[in-house]
Amino acid sequence: LGASADIIEAAHEKLKKQFPGIRFVGRRDGYFTDKEDGEVVAA
């Protein structure tokens, strides 16, 4: 969770390759408002 959309996508892809045994179950950029906190927490 965090950084910009392009950064989190790139980081996700690289970490998946580096740690194939980890189950990456979700990702989201960090540019969300307080009103969106509930949605982020629920995910």
PDB file of all heavy atoms in Angstrom:
ATOM      1  N   LEU A   1       0.841  -1.192   0.000  1.00  0.00           N
ATOM      2  CA  LEU A   1       0.000   0.000   0.000  1.00  0.00           C
ATOM      3  C   LEU A   1       0.878   1.245   0.000  1.00  0.00           C
ATOM      4  O   LEU A   1       1.741   1.407   0.859  1.00  0.00           O
ATOM      5  CB  LEU A   1      -0.896   0.008   1.246  1.00  0.00           C
ATOM      6  CG  LEU A   1      -1.792   1.223   1.460  1.00  0.00           C
ATOM      7  CD1 LEU A   1      -2.875   1.298   0.384  1.00  0.00           C
ATOM      8  CD2 LEU A   1      -2.443   1.182   2.848  1.00  0.00           C
ATOM      9  N   GLY A   2       0.664   2.119  -0.981  1.00  0.00           N
ATOM     10  CA  GLY A   2       1.377   3.381  -0.967  1.00  0.00           C
ATOM     11  C   GLY A   2       2.053   3.725  -2.278  1.00  0.00           C
ATOM     12  O   GLY A   2       1.955   2.993  -3.255  1.00  0.00           O
ATOM     13  N   ALA A   3       2.749   4.870  -2.267  1.00  0.00           N
ATOM     14  CA  ALA A   3       3.431   5.416  -3.445  1.00  0.00           C
ATOM     15  C   ALA A   3       2.415   5.746  -4.543  1.00  0.00           C
ATOM     16  O   ALA A   3       1.199   5.692  -4.328  1.00  0.00           O
ATOM     17  CB  ALA A   3       4.497   4.449  -3.949  1.00  0.00           C
ATOM     18  N   SER A   4       2.886   6.065  -5.723  1.00  0.00           N
ATOM     19  CA  SER A   4       1.992   6.384  -6.848  1.00  0.00           C
ATOM     20  C   SER A   4       1.572   5.089  -7.542  1.00  0.00           C
ATOM     21  O   SER A   4       2.162   4.023  -7.314  1.00  0.00           O
ATOM     22  CB  SER A   4       2.703   7.296  -7.847  1.00  0.00           C
ATOM     23  OG  SER A   4       3.841   6.639  -8.403  1.00  0.00           O
ATOM     24  N   ALA A   5       0.580   5.190  -8.412  1.00  0.00           N
ATOM     25  CA  ALA A   5       0.048   3.997  -9.078  1.00  0.00           C
ATOM     26  C   ALA A   5       1.107   3.286  -9.907  1.00  0.00           C
ATOM     27  O   ALA A   5       1.221   2.053  -9.875  1.00  0.00           O
ATOM     28  CB  ALA A   5      -1.143   4.393  -9.962  1.00  0.00           C
ATOM     29  N   ASP A   6       1.922   4.048 -10.634  1.00  0.00           N
ATOM     30  CA  ASP A   6       2.943   3.405 -11.472  1.00  0.00           C
ATOM     31  C   ASP A   6       4.058   2.799 -10.629  1.00  0.00           C
ATOM     32  O   ASP A   6       4.577   1.721 -10.942  1.00  0.00           O
ATOM     33  CB  ASP A   6       3.512   4.400 -12.494  1.00  0.00           C
ATOM     34  CG  ASP A   6       4.136   5.620 -11.835  1.00  0.00           C
ATOM     35  OD1 ASP A   6       3.652   6.030 -10.766  1.00  0.00           O
ATOM     36  OD2 ASP A   6       5.112   6.155 -12.386  1.00  0.00           O
ATOM     37  N   ILE A   7       4.406   3.464  -9.531  1.00  0.00           N
ATOM     38  CA  ILE A   7       5.466   2.937  -8.652  1.00  0.00           C
ATOM     39  C   ILE A   7       5.020   1.648  -7.978  1.00  0.00           C
ATOM     40  O   ILE A   7       5.776   0.669  -7.927  1.00  0.00           O
ATOM     41  CB  ILE A   7       5.851   3.982  -7.584  1.00  0.00           C
ATOM     42  CG1 ILE A   7       6.548   5.179  -8.221  1.00  0.00           C
ATOM     43  CG2 ILE A   7       6.740   3.348  -6.514  1.00  0.00           C
ATOM     44  CD1 ILE A   7       7.861   4.860  -8.883  1.00  0.00           C
ATOM     45  N   ILE A   8       3.798   1.621  -7.466  1.00  0.00           N
ATOM     46  CA  ILE A   8       3.344   0.420  -6.749  1.00  0.00           C
ATOM     47  C   ILE A   8       3.209  -0.756  -7.707  1.00  0.00           C
ATOM     48  O   ILE A   8       3.484  -1.905  -7.341  1.00  0.00           O
ATOM     49  CB  ILE A   8       2.011   0.694  -5.997  1.00  0.00           C
ATOM     50  CG1 ILE A   8       1.779  -0.367  -4.919  1.00  0.00           C
ATOM     51  CG2 ILE A   8       0.831   0.734  -6.922  1.00  0.00           C
ATOM     52  CD1 ILE A   8       2.747  -0.313  -3.784  1.00  0.00           C
ATOM     53  N   GLU A   9       2.815  -0.500  -8.936  1.00  0.00           N
ATOM     54  CA  GLU A   9       2.710  -1.581  -9.924  1.00  0.00           C
ATOM     55  C   GLU A   9       4.089  -2.143 -10.264  1.00  0.00           C
ATOM     56  O   GLU A   9       4.285  -3.353 -10.330  1.00  0.00           O
ATOM     57  CB  GLU A   9       2.024  -1.070 -11.197  1.00  0.00           C
ATOM     58  CG  GLU A   9       0.531  -0.830 -11.047  1.00  0.00           C
ATOM     59  CD  GLU A   9      -0.243  -2.093 -10.691  1.00  0.00           C
ATOM     60  OE1 GLU A   9       0.142  -3.182 -11.149  1.00  0.00           O
ATOM     61  OE2 GLU A   9      -1.224  -1.992  -9.940  1.00  0.00           O
ATOM     62  N   ALA A  10       5.059  -1.247 -10.467  1.00  0.00           N
ATOM     63  CA  ALA A  10       6.409  -1.680 -10.793  1.00  0.00           C
ATOM     64  C   ALA A  10       7.047  -2.430  -9.626  1.00  0.00           C
ATOM     65  O   ALA A  10       7.705  -3.466  -9.808  1.00  0.00           O
ATOM     66  CB  ALA A  10       7.264  -0.476 -11.173  1.00  0.00           C
ATOM     67  N   ALA A  11       6.831  -1.909  -8.414  1.00  0.00           N
ATOM     68  CA  ALA A  11       7.383  -2.564  -7.229  1.00  0.00           C
ATOM     69  C   ALA A  11       6.762  -3.940  -7.044  1.00  0.00           C
ATOM     70  O   ALA A  11       7.453  -4.916  -6.708  1.00  0.00           O
ATOM     71  CB  ALA A  11       7.134  -1.702  -5.995  1.00  0.00           C
ATOM     72  N   HIS A  12       5.462  -4.025  -7.267  1.00  0.00           N
ATOM     73  CA  HIS A  12       4.759  -5.302  -7.142  1.00  0.00           C
ATOM     74  C   HIS A  12       5.327  -6.340  -8.100  1.00  0.00           C
ATOM     75  O   HIS A  12       5.595  -7.489  -7.719  1.00  0.00           O
ATOM     76  CB  HIS A  12       3.261  -5.081  -7.405  1.00  0.00           C
ATOM     77  CG  HIS A  12       2.462  -6.335  -7.472  1.00  0.00           C
ATOM     78  ND1 HIS A  12       1.894  -6.789  -8.632  1.00  0.00           N
ATOM     79  CD2 HIS A  12       2.157  -7.248  -6.521  1.00  0.00           C
ATOM     80  CE1 HIS A  12       1.251  -7.921  -8.399  1.00  0.00           C
ATOM     81  NE2 HIS A  12       1.401  -8.218  -7.130  1.00  0.00           N
ATOM     82  N   GLU A  13       5.535  -5.955  -9.347  1.00  0.00           N
ATOM     83  CA  GLU A  13       6.063  -6.884 -10.344  1.00  0.00           C
ATOM     84  C   GLU A  13       7.467  -7.364  -9.975  1.00  0.00           C
ATOM     85  O   GLU A  13       7.790  -8.551 -10.115  1.00  0.00           O
ATOM     86  CB  GLU A  13       6.076  -6.228 -11.728  1.00  0.00           C
ATOM     87  CG  GLU A  13       4.698  -6.035 -12.341  1.00  0.00           C
ATOM     88  CD  GLU A  13       3.934  -7.345 -12.461  1.00  0.00           C
ATOM     89  OE1 GLU A  13       4.537  -8.352 -12.908  1.00  0.00           O
ATOM     90  OE2 GLU A  13       2.751  -7.375 -12.099  1.00  0.00           O
ATOM     91  N   LYS A  14       8.292  -6.457  -9.495  1.00  0.00           N
ATOM     92  CA  LYS A  14       9.662  -6.835  -9.157  1.00  0.00           C
ATOM     93  C   LYS A  14       9.709  -7.721  -7.913  1.00  0.00           C
ATOM     94  O   LYS A  14      10.492  -8.678  -7.851  1.00  0.00           O
ATOM     95  CB  LYS A  14      10.519  -5.577  -8.962  1.00  0.00           C
ATOM     96  CG  LYS A  14      10.737  -4.810 -10.262  1.00  0.00           C
ATOM     97  CD  LYS A  14      11.935  -3.896 -10.201  1.00  0.00           C
ATOM     98  CE  LYS A  14      12.222  -3.296 -11.572  1.00  0.00           C
ATOM     99  NZ  LYS A  14      13.438  -2.476 -11.606  1.00  0.00           N
ATOM    100  N   LEU A  15       8.898  -7.410  -6.924  1.00  0.00           N
ATOM    101  CA  LEU A  15       8.889  -8.229  -5.709  1.00  0.00           C
ATOM    102  C   LEU A  15       8.319  -9.620  -5.977  1.00  0.00           C
ATOM    103  O   LEU A  15       8.763 -10.603  -5.393  1.00  0.00           O
ATOM    104  CB  LEU A  15       8.096  -7.523  -4.602  1.00  0.00           C
ATOM    105  CG  LEU A  15       8.759  -6.275  -4.004  1.00  0.00           C
ATOM    106  CD1 LEU A  15       7.825  -5.587  -3.024  1.00  0.00           C
ATOM    107  CD2 LEU A  15      10.082  -6.637  -3.317  1.00  0.00           C
ATOM    108  N   LYS A  16       7.346  -9.696  -6.876  1.00  0.00           N
ATOM    109  CA  LYS A  16       6.798 -11.007  -7.251  1.00  0.00           C
ATOM    110  C   LYS A  16       7.874 -11.898  -7.856  1.00  0.00           C
ATOM    111  O   LYS A  16       7.939 -13.098  -7.572  1.00  0.00           O
ATOM    112  CB  LYS A  16       5.653 -10.853  -8.258  1.00  0.00           C
ATOM    113  CG  LYS A  16       4.287 -10.634  -7.642  1.00  0.00           C
ATOM    114  CD  LYS A  16       3.162 -10.996  -8.593  1.00  0.00           C
ATOM    115  CE  LYS A  16       3.312 -10.416  -9.976  1.00  0.00           C
ATOM    116  NZ  LYS A  16       2.180 -10.789 -10.858  1.00  0.00           N
ATOM    117  N   LYS A  17       8.721 -11.309  -8.690  1.00  0.00           N
ATOM    118  CA  LYS A  17       9.792 -12.083  -9.325  1.00  0.00           C
ATOM    119  C   LYS A  17      10.886 -12.442  -8.326  1.00  0.00           C
ATOM    120  O   LYS A  17      11.465 -13.531  -8.371  1.00  0.00           O
ATOM    121  CB  LYS A  17      10.387 -11.289 -10.487  1.00  0.00           C
ATOM    122  CG  LYS A  17       9.440 -11.110 -11.662  1.00  0.00           C
ATOM    123  CD  LYS A  17      10.083 -10.276 -12.763  1.00  0.00           C
ATOM    124  CE  LYS A  17       9.117 -10.086 -13.928  1.00  0.00           C
ATOM    125  NZ  LYS A  17       9.709  -9.227 -14.994  1.00  0.00           N
ATOM    126  N   GLN A  18      11.155 -11.518  -7.418  1.00  0.00           N
ATOM    127  CA  GLN A  18      12.217 -11.739  -6.442  1.00  0.00           C
ATOM    128  C   GLN A  18      11.814 -12.732  -5.357  1.00  0.00           C
ATOM    129  O   GLN A  18      12.652 -13.493  -4.864  1.00  0.00           O
ATOM    130  CB  GLN A  18      12.615 -10.404  -5.796  1.00  0.00           C
ATOM    131  CG  GLN A  18      13.853 -10.496  -4.909  1.00  0.00           C
ATOM    132  CD  GLN A  18      14.294  -9.131  -4.408  1.00  0.00           C
ATOM    133  OE1 GLN A  18      13.729  -8.095  -4.777  1.00  0.00           O
ATOM    134  NE2 GLN A  18      15.311  -9.117  -3.571  1.00  0.00           N
ATOM    135  N   PHE A  19      10.516 -12.720  -5.006  1.00  0.00           N
ATOM    136  CA  PHE A  19      10.021 -13.604  -3.943  1.00  0.00           C
ATOM    137  C   PHE A  19       8.817 -14.397  -4.444  1.00  0.00           C
ATOM    138  O   PHE A  19       7.669 -14.149  -4.030  1.00  0.00           O
ATOM    139  CB  PHE A  19       9.642 -12.780  -2.706  1.00  0.00           C
ATOM    140  CG  PHE A  19      10.769 -11.957  -2.155  1.00  0.00           C
ATOM    141  CD1 PHE A  19      10.856 -10.594  -2.417  1.00  0.00           C
ATOM    142  CD2 PHE A  19      11.764 -12.541  -1.381  1.00  0.00           C
ATOM    143  CE1 PHE A  19      11.896  -9.826  -1.912  1.00  0.00           C
ATOM    144  CE2 PHE A  19      12.817 -11.784  -0.869  1.00  0.00           C
ATOM    145  CZ  PHE A  19      12.887 -10.431  -1.142  1.00  0.00           C
ATOM    146  N   PRO A  20       9.041 -15.358  -5.330  1.00  0.00           N
ATOM    147  CA  PRO A  20       7.918 -16.122  -5.914  1.00  0.00           C
ATOM    148  C   PRO A  20       7.138 -16.947  -4.901  1.00  0.00           C
ATOM    149  O   PRO A  20       6.000 -17.330  -5.171  1.00  0.00           O
ATOM    150  CB  PRO A  20       8.613 -17.017  -6.949  1.00  0.00           C
ATOM    151  CG  PRO A  20      10.026 -17.125  -6.472  1.00  0.00           C
ATOM    152  CD  PRO A  20      10.340 -15.792  -5.869  1.00  0.00           C
ATOM    153  N   GLY A  21       7.744 -17.196  -3.740  1.00  0.00           N
ATOM    154  CA  GLY A  21       7.042 -17.979  -2.729  1.00  0.00           C
ATOM    155  C   GLY A  21       6.060 -17.174  -1.896  1.00  0.00           C
ATOM    156  O   GLY A  21       5.286 -17.738  -1.109  1.00  0.00           O
ATOM    157  N   ILE A  22       6.070 -15.858  -2.065  1.00  0.00           N
ATOM    158  CA  ILE A  22       5.136 -14.993  -1.338  1.00  0.00           C
ATOM    159  C   ILE A  22       3.856 -14.836  -2.141  1.00  0.00           C
ATOM    160  O   ILE A  22       3.882 -14.649  -3.357  1.00  0.00           O
ATOM    161  CB  ILE A  22       5.753 -13.591  -1.100  1.00  0.00           C
ATOM    162  CG1 ILE A  22       6.917 -13.675  -0.108  1.00  0.00           C
ATOM    163  CG2 ILE A  22       4.700 -12.605  -0.594  1.00  0.00           C
ATOM    164  CD1 ILE A  22       6.518 -13.935   1.325  1.00  0.00           C
ATOM    165  N   ARG A  23       2.739 -14.901  -1.463  1.00  0.00           N
ATOM    166  CA  ARG A  23       1.446 -14.647  -2.112  1.00  0.00           C
ATOM    167  C   ARG A  23       1.122 -13.159  -1.951  1.00  0.00           C
ATOM    168  O   ARG A  23       0.775 -12.716  -0.862  1.00  0.00           O
ATOM    169  CB  ARG A  23       0.353 -15.511  -1.482  1.00  0.00           C
ATOM    170  CG  ARG A  23       0.521 -16.994  -1.732  1.00  0.00           C
ATOM    171  CD  ARG A  23      -0.572 -17.825  -1.053  1.00  0.00           C
ATOM    172  NE  ARG A  23      -0.474 -17.788   0.403  1.00  0.00           N
ATOM    173  CZ  ARG A  23      -1.360 -17.229   1.215  1.00  0.00           C
ATOM    174  NH1 ARG A  23      -2.438 -16.635   0.718  1.00  0.00           N
ATOM    175  NH2 ARG A  23      -1.179 -17.246   2.523  1.00  0.00           N
ATOM    176  N   PHE A  24       1.251 -12.403  -3.023  1.00  0.00           N
ATOM    177  CA  PHE A  24       0.908 -10.982  -2.988  1.00  0.00           C
ATOM    178  C   PHE A  24      -0.592 -10.854  -3.240  1.00  0.00           C
ATOM    179  O   PHE A  24      -1.060 -11.022  -4.363  1.00  0.00           O
ATOM    180  CB  PHE A  24       1.730 -10.211  -4.015  1.00  0.00           C
ATOM    181  CG  PHE A  24       3.179 -10.091  -3.637  1.00  0.00           C
ATOM    182  CD1 PHE A  24       4.111 -11.015  -4.101  1.00  0.00           C
ATOM    183  CD2 PHE A  24       3.600  -9.087  -2.780  1.00  0.00           C
ATOM    184  CE1 PHE A  24       5.448 -10.932  -3.735  1.00  0.00           C
ATOM    185  CE2 PHE A  24       4.938  -8.986  -2.406  1.00  0.00           C
ATOM    186  CZ  PHE A  24       5.863  -9.913  -2.881  1.00  0.00           C
ATOM    187  N   VAL A  25      -1.320 -10.583  -2.160  1.00  0.00           N
ATOM    188  CA  VAL A  25      -2.783 -10.660  -2.214  1.00  0.00           C
ATOM    189  C   VAL A  25      -3.466  -9.323  -2.502  1.00  0.00           C
ATOM    190  O   VAL A  25      -4.703  -9.260  -2.560  1.00  0.00           O
ATOM    191  CB  VAL A  25      -3.331 -11.246  -0.898  1.00  0.00           C
ATOM    192  CG1 VAL A  25      -2.908 -12.707  -0.763  1.00  0.00           C
ATOM    193  CG2 VAL A  25      -2.848 -10.434   0.315  1.00  0.00           C
ATOM    194  N   GLY A  26      -2.681  -8.266  -2.680  1.00  0.00           N
ATOM    195  CA  GLY A  26      -3.310  -6.990  -3.004  1.00  0.00           C
ATOM    196  C   GLY A  26      -2.311  -5.856  -3.035  1.00  0.00           C
ATOM    197  O   GLY A  26      -1.211  -5.951  -2.486  1.00  0.00           O
ATOM    198  N   ARG A  27      -2.696  -4.774  -3.693  1.00  0.00           N
ATOM    199  CA  ARG A  27      -1.853  -3.579  -3.770  1.00  0.00           C
ATOM    200  C   ARG A  27      -2.738  -2.380  -4.093  1.00  0.00           C
ATOM    201  O   ARG A  27      -3.786  -2.513  -4.731  1.00  0.00           O
ATOM    202  CB  ARG A  27      -0.781  -3.746  -4.835  1.00  0.00           C
ATOM    203  CG  ARG A  27      -1.324  -3.931  -6.243  1.00  0.00           C
ATOM    204  CD  ARG A  27      -0.254  -4.471  -7.169  1.00  0.00           C
ATOM    205  NE  ARG A  27      -0.746  -4.651  -8.536  1.00  0.00           N
ATOM    206  CZ  ARG A  27      -1.472  -5.682  -8.945  1.00  0.00           C
ATOM    207  NH1 ARG A  27      -1.811  -6.646  -8.088  1.00  0.00           N
ATOM    208  NH2 ARG A  27      -1.864  -5.770 -10.207  1.00  0.00           N
ATOM    209  N   ARG A  28      -2.306  -1.236  -3.635  1.00  0.00           N
ATOM    210  CA  ARG A  28      -3.034  -0.002  -3.929  1.00  0.00           C
ATOM    211  C   ARG A  28      -2.088   1.173  -3.716  1.00  0.00           C
ATOM    212  O   ARG A  28      -1.246   1.153  -2.829  1.00  0.00           O
ATOM    213  CB  ARG A  28      -4.254   0.138  -3.017  1.00  0.00           C
ATOM    214  CG  ARG A  28      -4.978   1.481  -3.223  1.00  0.00           C
ATOM    215  CD  ARG A  28      -6.332   1.529  -2.619  1.00  0.00           C
ATOM    216  NE  ARG A  28      -6.942   2.833  -2.865  1.00  0.00           N
ATOM    217  CZ  ARG A  28      -8.239   3.056  -2.917  1.00  0.00           C
ATOM    218  NH1 ARG A  28      -9.075   2.057  -2.743  1.00  0.00           N
ATOM    219  NH2 ARG A  28      -8.706   4.271  -3.132  1.00  0.00           N
ATOM    220  N   ASP A  29      -2.251   2.214  -4.539  1.00  0.00           N
ATOM    221  CA  ASP A  29      -1.398   3.386  -4.359  1.00  0.00           C
ATOM    222  C   ASP A  29      -1.801   4.125  -3.084  1.00  0.00           C
ATOM    223  O   ASP A  29      -2.858   3.874  -2.501  1.00  0.00           O
ATOM    224  CB  ASP A  29      -1.490   4.312  -5.583  1.00  0.00           C
ATOM    225  CG  ASP A  29      -2.850   4.962  -5.730  1.00  0.00           C
ATOM    226  OD1 ASP A  29      -3.155   5.867  -4.938  1.00  0.00           O
ATOM    227  OD2 ASP A  29      -3.609   4.572  -6.644  1.00  0.00           O
ATOM    228  N   GLY A  30      -0.956   5.038  -2.663  1.00  0.00           N
ATOM    229  CA  GLY A  30      -1.188   5.727  -1.397  1.00  0.00           C
ATOM    230  C   GLY A  30      -1.914   7.042  -1.512  1.00  0.00           C
ATOM    231  O   GLY A  30      -2.060   7.770  -0.524  1.00  0.00           O
ATOM    232  N   TYR A  31      -2.407   7.363  -2.708  1.00  0.00           N
ATOM    233  CA  TYR A  31      -3.079   8.634  -2.917  1.00  0.00           C
ATOM    234  C   TYR A  31      -4.589   8.481  -2.759  1.00  0.00           C
ATOM    235  O   TYR A  31      -5.341   8.477  -3.732  1.00  0.00           O
ATOM    236  CB  TYR A  31      -2.715   9.197  -4.293  1.00  0.00           C
ATOM    237  CG  TYR A  31      -1.269   9.629  -4.368  1.00  0.00           C
ATOM    238  CD1 TYR A  31      -0.278   8.727  -4.729  1.00  0.00           C
ATOM    239  CD2 TYR A  31      -0.895  10.927  -4.038  1.00  0.00           C
ATOM    240  CE1 TYR A  31       1.057   9.111  -4.775  1.00  0.00           C
ATOM    241  CE2 TYR A  31       0.441  11.330  -4.089  1.00  0.00           C
ATOM    242  CZ  TYR A  31       1.404  10.407  -4.450  1.00  0.00           C
ATOM    243  OH  TYR A  31       2.727  10.792  -4.482  1.00  0.00           O
ATOM    244  N   PHE A  32      -4.992   8.325  -1.511  1.00  0.00           N
ATOM    245  CA  PHE A  32      -6.424   8.247  -1.222  1.00  0.00           C
ATOM    246  C   PHE A  32      -6.750   9.207  -0.077  1.00  0.00           C
ATOM    247  O   PHE A  32      -5.888   9.555   0.729  1.00  0.00           O
ATOM    248  CB  PHE A  32      -6.845   6.819  -0.867  1.00  0.00           C
ATOM    249  CG  PHE A  32      -6.028   6.167   0.211  1.00  0.00           C
ATOM    250  CD1 PHE A  32      -6.364   6.316   1.555  1.00  0.00           C
ATOM    251  CD2 PHE A  32      -4.920   5.383  -0.105  1.00  0.00           C
ATOM    252  CE1 PHE A  32      -5.619   5.707   2.558  1.00  0.00           C
ATOM    253  CE2 PHE A  32      -4.155   4.770   0.886  1.00  0.00           C
ATOM    254  CZ  PHE A  32      -4.509   4.933   2.219  1.00  0.00           C
ATOM    255  N   THR A  33      -7.993   9.645  -0.035  1.00  0.00           N
ATOM    256  CA  THR A  33      -8.416  10.626   0.960  1.00  0.00           C
ATOM    257  C   THR A  33      -8.929   9.931   2.215  1.00  0.00           C
ATOM    258  O   THR A  33      -9.138   8.713   2.236  1.00  0.00           O
ATOM    259  CB  THR A  33      -9.534  11.512   0.394  1.00  0.00           C
ATOM    260  OG1 THR A  33     -10.697  10.693   0.148  1.00  0.00           O
ATOM    261  CG2 THR A  33      -9.104  12.162  -0.926  1.00  0.00           C
ATOM    262  N   ASP A  34      -9.144  10.731   3.252  1.00  0.00           N
ATOM    263  CA  ASP A  34      -9.685  10.190   4.501  1.00  0.00           C
ATOM    264  C   ASP A  34     -11.038   9.517   4.270  1.00  0.00           C
ATOM    265  O   ASP A  34     -11.363   8.516   4.915  1.00  0.00           O
ATOM    266  CB  ASP A  34      -9.851  11.307   5.541  1.00  0.00           C
ATOM    267  CG  ASP A  34      -8.512  11.879   5.984  1.00  0.00           C
ATOM    268  OD1 ASP A  34      -7.476  11.251   5.686  1.00  0.00           O
ATOM    269  OD2 ASP A  34      -8.504  12.948   6.627  1.00  0.00           O
ATOM    270  N   LYS A  35     -11.813  10.072   3.334  1.00  0.00           N
ATOM    271  CA  LYS A  35     -13.131   9.497   3.056  1.00  0.00           C
ATOM    272  C   LYS A  35     -13.032   8.103   2.442  1.00  0.00           C
ATOM    273  O   LYS A  35     -13.997   7.328   2.490  1.00  0.00           O
ATOM    274  CB  LYS A  35     -13.915  10.425   2.118  1.00  0.00           C
ATOM    275  CG  LYS A  35     -14.306  11.756   2.743  1.00  0.00           C
ATOM    276  CD  LYS A  35     -15.096  12.607   1.769  1.00  0.00           C
ATOM    277  CE  LYS A  35     -15.500  13.930   2.402  1.00  0.00           C
ATOM    278  NZ  LYS A  35     -16.278  14.794   1.452  1.00  0.00           N
ATOM    279  N   GLU A  36     -11.893   7.803   1.842  1.00  0.00           N
ATOM    280  CA  GLU A  36     -11.698   6.501   1.212  1.00  0.00           C
ATOM    281  C   GLU A  36     -11.052   5.475   2.144  1.00  0.00           C
ATOM    282  O   GLU A  36     -10.839   4.319   1.766  1.00  0.00           O
ATOM    283  CB  GLU A  36     -10.833   6.653  -0.042  1.00  0.00           C
ATOM    284  CG  GLU A  36     -11.462   7.488  -1.142  1.00  0.00           C
ATOM    285  CD  GLU A  36     -10.500   7.733  -2.289  1.00  0.00           C
ATOM    286  OE1 GLU A  36      -9.533   8.489  -2.100  1.00  0.00           O
ATOM    287  OE2 GLU A  36     -10.711   7.149  -3.379  1.00  0.00           O
ATOM    288  N   ASP A  37     -10.731   5.895   3.371  1.00  0.00           N
ATOM    289  CA  ASP A  37     -10.068   4.993   4.316  1.00  0.00           C
ATOM    290  C   ASP A  37     -10.859   3.698   4.521  1.00  0.00           C
ATOM    291  O   ASP A  37     -10.287   2.605   4.553  1.00  0.00           O
ATOM    292  CB  ASP A  37      -9.880   5.684   5.668  1.00  0.00           C
ATOM    293  CG  ASP A  37      -8.679   6.615   5.682  1.00  0.00           C
ATOM    294  OD1 ASP A  37      -7.943   6.653   4.681  1.00  0.00           O
ATOM    295  OD2 ASP A  37      -8.498   7.312   6.701  1.00  0.00           O
ATOM    296  N   GLY A  38     -12.167   3.842   4.668  1.00  0.00           N
ATOM    297  CA  GLY A  38     -13.004   2.663   4.914  1.00  0.00           C
ATOM    298  C   GLY A  38     -12.895   1.642   3.795  1.00  0.00           C
ATOM    299  O   GLY A  38     -12.803   0.433   4.036  1.00  0.00           O
ATOM    300  N   GLU A  39     -12.879   2.135   2.576  1.00  0.00           N
ATOM    301  CA  GLU A  39     -12.760   1.271   1.400  1.00  0.00           C
ATOM    302  C   GLU A  39     -11.402   0.564   1.380  1.00  0.00           C
ATOM    303  O   GLU A  39     -11.319  -0.643   1.096  1.00  0.00           O
ATOM    304  CB  GLU A  39     -12.921   2.120   0.139  1.00  0.00           C
ATOM    305  CG  GLU A  39     -12.686   1.390  -1.173  1.00  0.00           C
ATOM    306  CD  GLU A  39     -12.643   2.348  -2.353  1.00  0.00           C
ATOM    307  OE1 GLU A  39     -13.321   3.390  -2.298  1.00  0.00           O
ATOM    308  OE2 GLU A  39     -11.930   2.039  -3.329  1.00  0.00           O
ATOM    309  N   VAL A  40     -10.348   1.306   1.709  1.00  0.00           N
ATOM    310  CA  VAL A  40      -8.995   0.742   1.719  1.00  0.00           C
ATOM    311  C   VAL A  40      -8.871  -0.314   2.807  1.00  0.00           C
ATOM    312  O   VAL A  40      -8.349  -1.411   2.571  1.00  0.00           O
ATOM    313  CB  VAL A  40      -7.948   1.859   1.939  1.00  0.00           C
ATOM    314  CG1 VAL A  40      -6.551   1.265   2.080  1.00  0.00           C
ATOM    315  CG2 VAL A  40      -7.981   2.849   0.781  1.00  0.00           C
ATOM    316  N   VAL A  41      -9.343   0.014   3.990  1.00  0.00           N
ATOM    317  CA  VAL A  41      -9.279  -0.926   5.117  1.00  0.00           C
ATOM    318  C   VAL A  41     -10.068  -2.198   4.811  1.00  0.00           C
ATOM    319  O   VAL A  41      -9.610  -3.312   5.086  1.00  0.00           O
ATOM    320  CB  VAL A  41      -9.801  -0.264   6.410  1.00  0.00           C
ATOM    321  CG1 VAL A  41      -9.971  -1.299   7.520  1.00  0.00           C
ATOM    322  CG2 VAL A  41      -8.849   0.835   6.862  1.00  0.00           C
ATOM    323  N   ALA A  42     -11.245  -2.038   4.223  1.00  0.00           N
ATOM    324  CA  ALA A  42     -12.079  -3.199   3.890  1.00  0.00           C
ATOM    325  C   ALA A  42     -11.372  -4.119   2.900  1.00  0.00           C
ATOM    326  O   ALA A  42     -11.428  -5.356   3.021  1.00  0.00           O
ATOM    327  CB  ALA A  42     -13.415  -2.729   3.316  1.00  0.00           C
ATOM    328  N   ALA A  43     -10.685  -3.532   1.926  1.00  0.00           N
ATOM    329  CA  ALA A  43      -9.971  -4.336   0.920  1.00  0.00           C
ATOM    330  C   ALA A  43      -8.837  -5.123   1.566  1.00  0.00           C
ATOM    331  O   ALA A  43      -8.607  -6.294   1.229  1.00  0.00           O
ATOM    332  CB  ALA A  43      -9.430  -3.429  -0.176  1.00  0.00           C
TER     333      ALA A  43
END
